[in-house]
N, C-alpha and C. Protein backbone atom coordinates (compact mmCIF):
# COMPACT_ATOMS: atom_id res chain seq x y z
N MET A 1 65.07 -99.09 -248.55
CA MET A 1 65.08 -99.56 -249.78
C MET A 1 63.50 -99.57 -250.09
N LYS A 2 63.30 -99.42 -251.32
CA LYS A 2 61.89 -99.57 -251.88
C LYS A 2 61.44 -101.03 -252.29
N PRO A 3 60.11 -100.95 -251.84
CA PRO A 3 59.70 -102.66 -252.39
C PRO A 3 59.68 -102.84 -253.89
N LYS A 4 59.47 -103.89 -254.27
CA LYS A 4 59.60 -104.21 -255.54
C LYS A 4 58.04 -103.43 -256.21
N ARG A 5 58.02 -102.97 -257.31
CA ARG A 5 56.82 -102.62 -257.84
C ARG A 5 55.72 -103.99 -258.49
N SER A 6 54.63 -103.72 -258.19
CA SER A 6 53.50 -104.69 -258.36
C SER A 6 53.44 -104.93 -259.99
N GLN A 7 52.93 -105.75 -260.58
CA GLN A 7 52.78 -105.78 -261.89
C GLN A 7 51.76 -104.95 -262.45
N LEU A 8 50.87 -104.15 -261.61
CA LEU A 8 49.91 -103.08 -262.20
C LEU A 8 50.97 -101.97 -262.04
N GLU A 9 51.78 -101.74 -261.22
CA GLU A 9 52.42 -100.28 -261.09
C GLU A 9 53.35 -100.45 -262.49
N VAL A 10 54.07 -101.43 -262.77
CA VAL A 10 54.84 -101.82 -263.92
C VAL A 10 54.12 -101.48 -264.86
N ILE A 11 53.03 -102.10 -265.15
CA ILE A 11 52.25 -101.66 -266.16
C ILE A 11 51.75 -100.19 -266.55
N HIS A 12 51.54 -99.74 -265.61
CA HIS A 12 51.23 -98.38 -265.31
C HIS A 12 52.23 -97.37 -265.62
N ASP A 13 53.48 -97.68 -265.46
CA ASP A 13 54.66 -96.94 -265.63
C ASP A 13 55.18 -97.20 -267.11
N MET A 14 55.24 -98.30 -267.63
CA MET A 14 55.35 -98.30 -269.19
C MET A 14 54.32 -97.83 -269.99
N LEU A 15 52.95 -97.56 -269.67
CA LEU A 15 51.68 -96.85 -270.55
C LEU A 15 52.24 -95.62 -270.22
N ALA A 16 52.31 -94.92 -269.01
CA ALA A 16 52.44 -93.53 -268.51
C ALA A 16 53.83 -93.02 -269.64
N SER A 17 54.86 -93.99 -269.37
CA SER A 17 56.07 -93.12 -270.41
C SER A 17 55.85 -93.25 -271.92
N VAL A 18 54.60 -94.05 -272.32
CA VAL A 18 54.48 -94.20 -273.53
C VAL A 18 53.59 -92.58 -274.03
N GLN A 19 52.63 -92.67 -272.99
CA GLN A 19 51.81 -91.02 -273.07
C GLN A 19 52.64 -89.90 -272.84
N ARG A 20 53.71 -89.96 -272.16
CA ARG A 20 54.23 -88.74 -271.74
C ARG A 20 55.24 -88.53 -273.37
N LYS A 21 55.68 -89.27 -273.99
CA LYS A 21 56.10 -89.14 -275.25
C LYS A 21 55.07 -88.88 -276.49
N GLY A 22 53.78 -88.59 -276.18
CA GLY A 22 53.04 -88.22 -277.02
C GLY A 22 52.18 -89.67 -277.66
N GLY A 23 52.35 -90.53 -276.55
CA GLY A 23 51.75 -91.80 -277.50
C GLY A 23 52.11 -92.60 -278.26
N ARG A 24 53.36 -92.61 -278.31
CA ARG A 24 54.41 -93.14 -279.14
C ARG A 24 55.58 -93.28 -278.78
N ILE A 25 56.42 -94.17 -278.87
CA ILE A 25 57.65 -94.55 -278.23
C ILE A 25 58.48 -95.53 -278.96
N ARG A 26 60.06 -95.59 -278.89
CA ARG A 26 60.80 -96.36 -279.52
C ARG A 26 61.17 -97.26 -278.39
N PRO A 27 61.52 -98.57 -278.59
CA PRO A 27 61.75 -99.59 -277.69
C PRO A 27 62.78 -99.19 -276.79
N THR A 28 63.98 -98.68 -277.06
CA THR A 28 64.85 -98.08 -276.15
C THR A 28 64.51 -97.18 -275.26
N GLN A 29 63.76 -96.22 -275.93
CA GLN A 29 63.17 -95.10 -274.99
C GLN A 29 62.43 -95.75 -273.71
N LEU A 30 61.47 -96.72 -274.24
CA LEU A 30 60.83 -97.43 -273.28
C LEU A 30 61.62 -98.38 -272.24
N LEU A 31 62.46 -99.00 -272.45
CA LEU A 31 63.15 -99.67 -271.76
C LEU A 31 64.11 -99.03 -270.82
N SER A 32 64.59 -97.55 -271.11
CA SER A 32 65.11 -96.72 -270.26
C SER A 32 63.98 -96.28 -269.11
N LYS A 33 62.98 -95.86 -269.90
CA LYS A 33 62.13 -95.15 -269.16
C LYS A 33 61.51 -95.97 -267.91
N SER A 34 61.25 -97.32 -268.65
CA SER A 34 60.49 -98.27 -267.50
C SER A 34 61.28 -98.93 -266.46
N ASN A 35 62.55 -98.92 -266.41
CA ASN A 35 63.40 -99.35 -265.67
C ASN A 35 63.36 -100.82 -265.34
N LEU A 36 63.22 -101.48 -266.39
CA LEU A 36 63.13 -103.03 -266.64
C LEU A 36 64.44 -103.62 -267.29
N SER A 37 64.62 -104.69 -267.09
CA SER A 37 65.65 -105.72 -268.23
C SER A 37 64.81 -105.79 -269.04
N TYR A 38 65.80 -105.91 -270.34
CA TYR A 38 65.12 -106.23 -271.68
C TYR A 38 64.29 -107.37 -271.67
N LYS A 39 64.42 -108.56 -270.83
CA LYS A 39 63.78 -109.63 -271.21
C LYS A 39 62.42 -109.34 -270.60
N MET A 40 62.45 -108.82 -269.29
CA MET A 40 61.05 -108.23 -268.59
C MET A 40 60.07 -107.32 -269.45
N MET A 41 60.97 -106.49 -269.74
CA MET A 41 60.29 -105.63 -270.98
C MET A 41 59.54 -106.57 -272.00
N GLN A 42 60.18 -107.25 -272.67
CA GLN A 42 59.38 -108.07 -273.61
C GLN A 42 58.40 -108.82 -273.13
N GLU A 43 58.63 -109.35 -271.76
CA GLU A 43 57.20 -110.32 -271.45
C GLU A 43 56.10 -109.32 -271.13
N TYR A 44 56.63 -108.06 -270.63
CA TYR A 44 55.29 -107.11 -270.62
C TYR A 44 54.83 -106.51 -272.00
N LEU A 45 55.58 -106.42 -272.95
CA LEU A 45 54.99 -106.05 -274.10
C LEU A 45 54.05 -106.77 -274.76
N VAL A 46 54.29 -108.20 -274.56
CA VAL A 46 53.56 -109.23 -274.79
C VAL A 46 52.31 -109.36 -274.26
N LEU A 47 52.40 -109.08 -272.87
CA LEU A 47 51.00 -108.67 -271.83
C LEU A 47 50.08 -107.67 -272.69
N LEU A 48 51.10 -106.70 -272.70
CA LEU A 48 50.23 -105.02 -272.89
C LEU A 48 49.63 -105.26 -274.30
N ASP A 49 50.38 -105.89 -275.40
CA ASP A 49 49.62 -106.29 -276.82
C ASP A 49 48.37 -107.10 -276.54
N GLU A 50 48.41 -108.31 -275.86
CA GLU A 50 47.73 -109.21 -275.98
C GLU A 50 46.24 -108.75 -275.41
N ARG A 51 46.40 -107.66 -274.33
CA ARG A 51 45.37 -106.81 -273.68
C ARG A 51 44.91 -105.62 -274.54
N LYS A 52 45.43 -105.69 -275.86
CA LYS A 52 45.31 -104.35 -276.33
C LYS A 52 45.34 -102.97 -275.87
N LEU A 53 46.53 -103.00 -275.15
CA LEU A 53 46.64 -101.68 -274.42
C LEU A 53 47.63 -100.80 -275.42
N ILE A 54 48.74 -101.61 -275.86
CA ILE A 54 49.55 -101.13 -276.85
C ILE A 54 49.32 -101.59 -278.20
N LYS A 55 49.98 -101.04 -279.13
CA LYS A 55 50.20 -102.01 -280.63
C LYS A 55 51.58 -101.36 -280.90
N GLU A 56 52.22 -102.39 -281.92
CA GLU A 56 53.48 -101.98 -282.51
C GLU A 56 53.42 -101.70 -283.71
N GLU A 57 54.01 -100.68 -284.10
CA GLU A 57 53.91 -99.85 -285.42
C GLU A 57 55.27 -99.82 -286.10
N ARG A 58 55.48 -100.08 -286.95
CA ARG A 58 56.91 -100.06 -288.01
C ARG A 58 56.58 -99.26 -289.02
N VAL A 59 57.86 -98.09 -288.97
CA VAL A 59 57.51 -97.13 -289.96
C VAL A 59 59.42 -97.29 -290.69
N LYS A 60 59.04 -97.95 -292.25
CA LYS A 60 60.43 -98.18 -292.58
C LYS A 60 61.13 -99.22 -291.63
N ASP A 61 62.23 -99.12 -291.40
CA ASP A 61 63.05 -100.24 -290.19
C ASP A 61 62.95 -99.62 -288.91
N LYS A 62 61.97 -98.75 -288.80
CA LYS A 62 61.98 -98.74 -287.21
C LYS A 62 60.70 -98.99 -286.44
N LYS A 63 60.80 -99.61 -285.13
CA LYS A 63 59.81 -99.78 -284.26
C LYS A 63 59.69 -99.08 -283.48
N PHE A 64 58.18 -98.68 -283.27
CA PHE A 64 57.68 -97.70 -282.27
C PHE A 64 56.30 -98.87 -281.58
N TYR A 65 55.97 -98.26 -280.41
CA TYR A 65 54.89 -98.69 -279.54
C TYR A 65 54.06 -97.57 -279.37
N LEU A 66 52.63 -97.79 -279.56
CA LEU A 66 51.72 -97.07 -279.75
C LEU A 66 50.32 -96.72 -278.56
N LEU A 67 50.15 -96.09 -277.67
CA LEU A 67 49.33 -96.50 -276.98
C LEU A 67 47.56 -96.28 -277.64
N THR A 68 47.06 -97.57 -277.23
CA THR A 68 45.65 -97.46 -277.85
C THR A 68 44.80 -96.80 -277.09
N ASP A 69 43.42 -96.75 -277.51
CA ASP A 69 42.13 -96.07 -276.58
C ASP A 69 42.24 -96.85 -275.37
N LYS A 70 42.39 -98.30 -275.43
CA LYS A 70 42.08 -98.94 -274.13
C LYS A 70 43.12 -98.73 -273.17
N GLY A 71 44.26 -98.22 -273.79
CA GLY A 71 45.46 -98.02 -272.76
C GLY A 71 45.27 -96.59 -272.19
N TYR A 72 44.56 -95.68 -273.23
CA TYR A 72 44.59 -94.37 -272.59
C TYR A 72 43.57 -94.73 -271.25
N ALA A 73 42.52 -95.19 -271.37
CA ALA A 73 41.65 -95.79 -270.42
C ALA A 73 42.05 -96.19 -269.31
N PHE A 74 42.70 -97.28 -269.48
CA PHE A 74 43.57 -97.67 -268.41
C PHE A 74 44.28 -96.79 -267.61
N LEU A 75 45.15 -95.94 -268.07
CA LEU A 75 45.95 -94.94 -267.24
C LEU A 75 44.77 -93.86 -266.39
N THR A 76 43.71 -93.58 -267.03
CA THR A 76 42.75 -92.58 -266.36
C THR A 76 42.11 -93.48 -265.30
N GLU A 77 41.82 -94.87 -265.25
CA GLU A 77 41.17 -95.43 -264.31
C GLU A 77 42.20 -95.87 -263.32
N TYR A 78 43.28 -95.90 -263.56
CA TYR A 78 44.44 -96.40 -262.65
C TYR A 78 44.80 -95.21 -261.94
N ARG A 79 44.79 -93.72 -262.49
CA ARG A 79 45.00 -92.67 -261.45
C ARG A 79 43.91 -92.43 -260.95
N ARG A 80 42.65 -92.77 -261.15
CA ARG A 80 41.42 -92.44 -260.35
C ARG A 80 41.38 -93.32 -259.12
N LEU A 81 41.62 -94.68 -259.47
CA LEU A 81 41.97 -95.75 -258.11
C LEU A 81 42.77 -95.20 -257.29
N SER A 82 44.03 -94.79 -257.80
CA SER A 82 45.10 -94.47 -256.92
C SER A 82 44.64 -93.32 -256.09
N ALA A 83 44.11 -92.45 -256.76
CA ALA A 83 43.86 -91.25 -255.69
C ALA A 83 42.41 -91.26 -254.85
N PHE A 84 41.77 -92.52 -255.25
CA PHE A 84 40.73 -92.92 -254.06
C PHE A 84 41.40 -93.95 -253.11
N THR A 85 42.32 -94.75 -253.37
CA THR A 85 43.10 -95.14 -251.98
C THR A 85 43.95 -94.39 -251.51
N GLU A 86 44.72 -93.74 -251.85
CA GLU A 86 45.46 -92.41 -251.09
C GLU A 86 44.49 -91.57 -250.34
N ALA A 87 42.98 -91.30 -250.60
CA ALA A 87 42.30 -90.44 -249.85
C ALA A 87 41.97 -91.11 -248.64
N PHE A 88 41.85 -92.34 -248.87
CA PHE A 88 41.72 -93.38 -247.65
C PHE A 88 42.93 -94.00 -247.00
N GLY A 89 44.20 -93.47 -247.22
CA GLY A 89 45.28 -93.81 -246.59
C GLY A 89 45.63 -95.39 -247.00
N LEU A 90 45.26 -95.81 -247.92
CA LEU A 90 45.64 -97.25 -248.23
C LEU A 90 46.73 -97.36 -249.13
């Protein structure tokens, strides 16, 4: 059985899902890709929005989440840190 993901891993997974969709994703797509309950996803979306890692966009009656420049920077640094820790077996 896999251990639970840390908050940092969940944030990475959510932002990476947005990036894989070209930097823009619908809420239902994000929910399925992030593997979270609706309630937990909403809590993380508030956190990501407060930290300016994503922003919400409405086009007509459709909602999208977009990755900000700060969100892209987070992903770059997360991957760099991940590679560093793996190199030392941590």
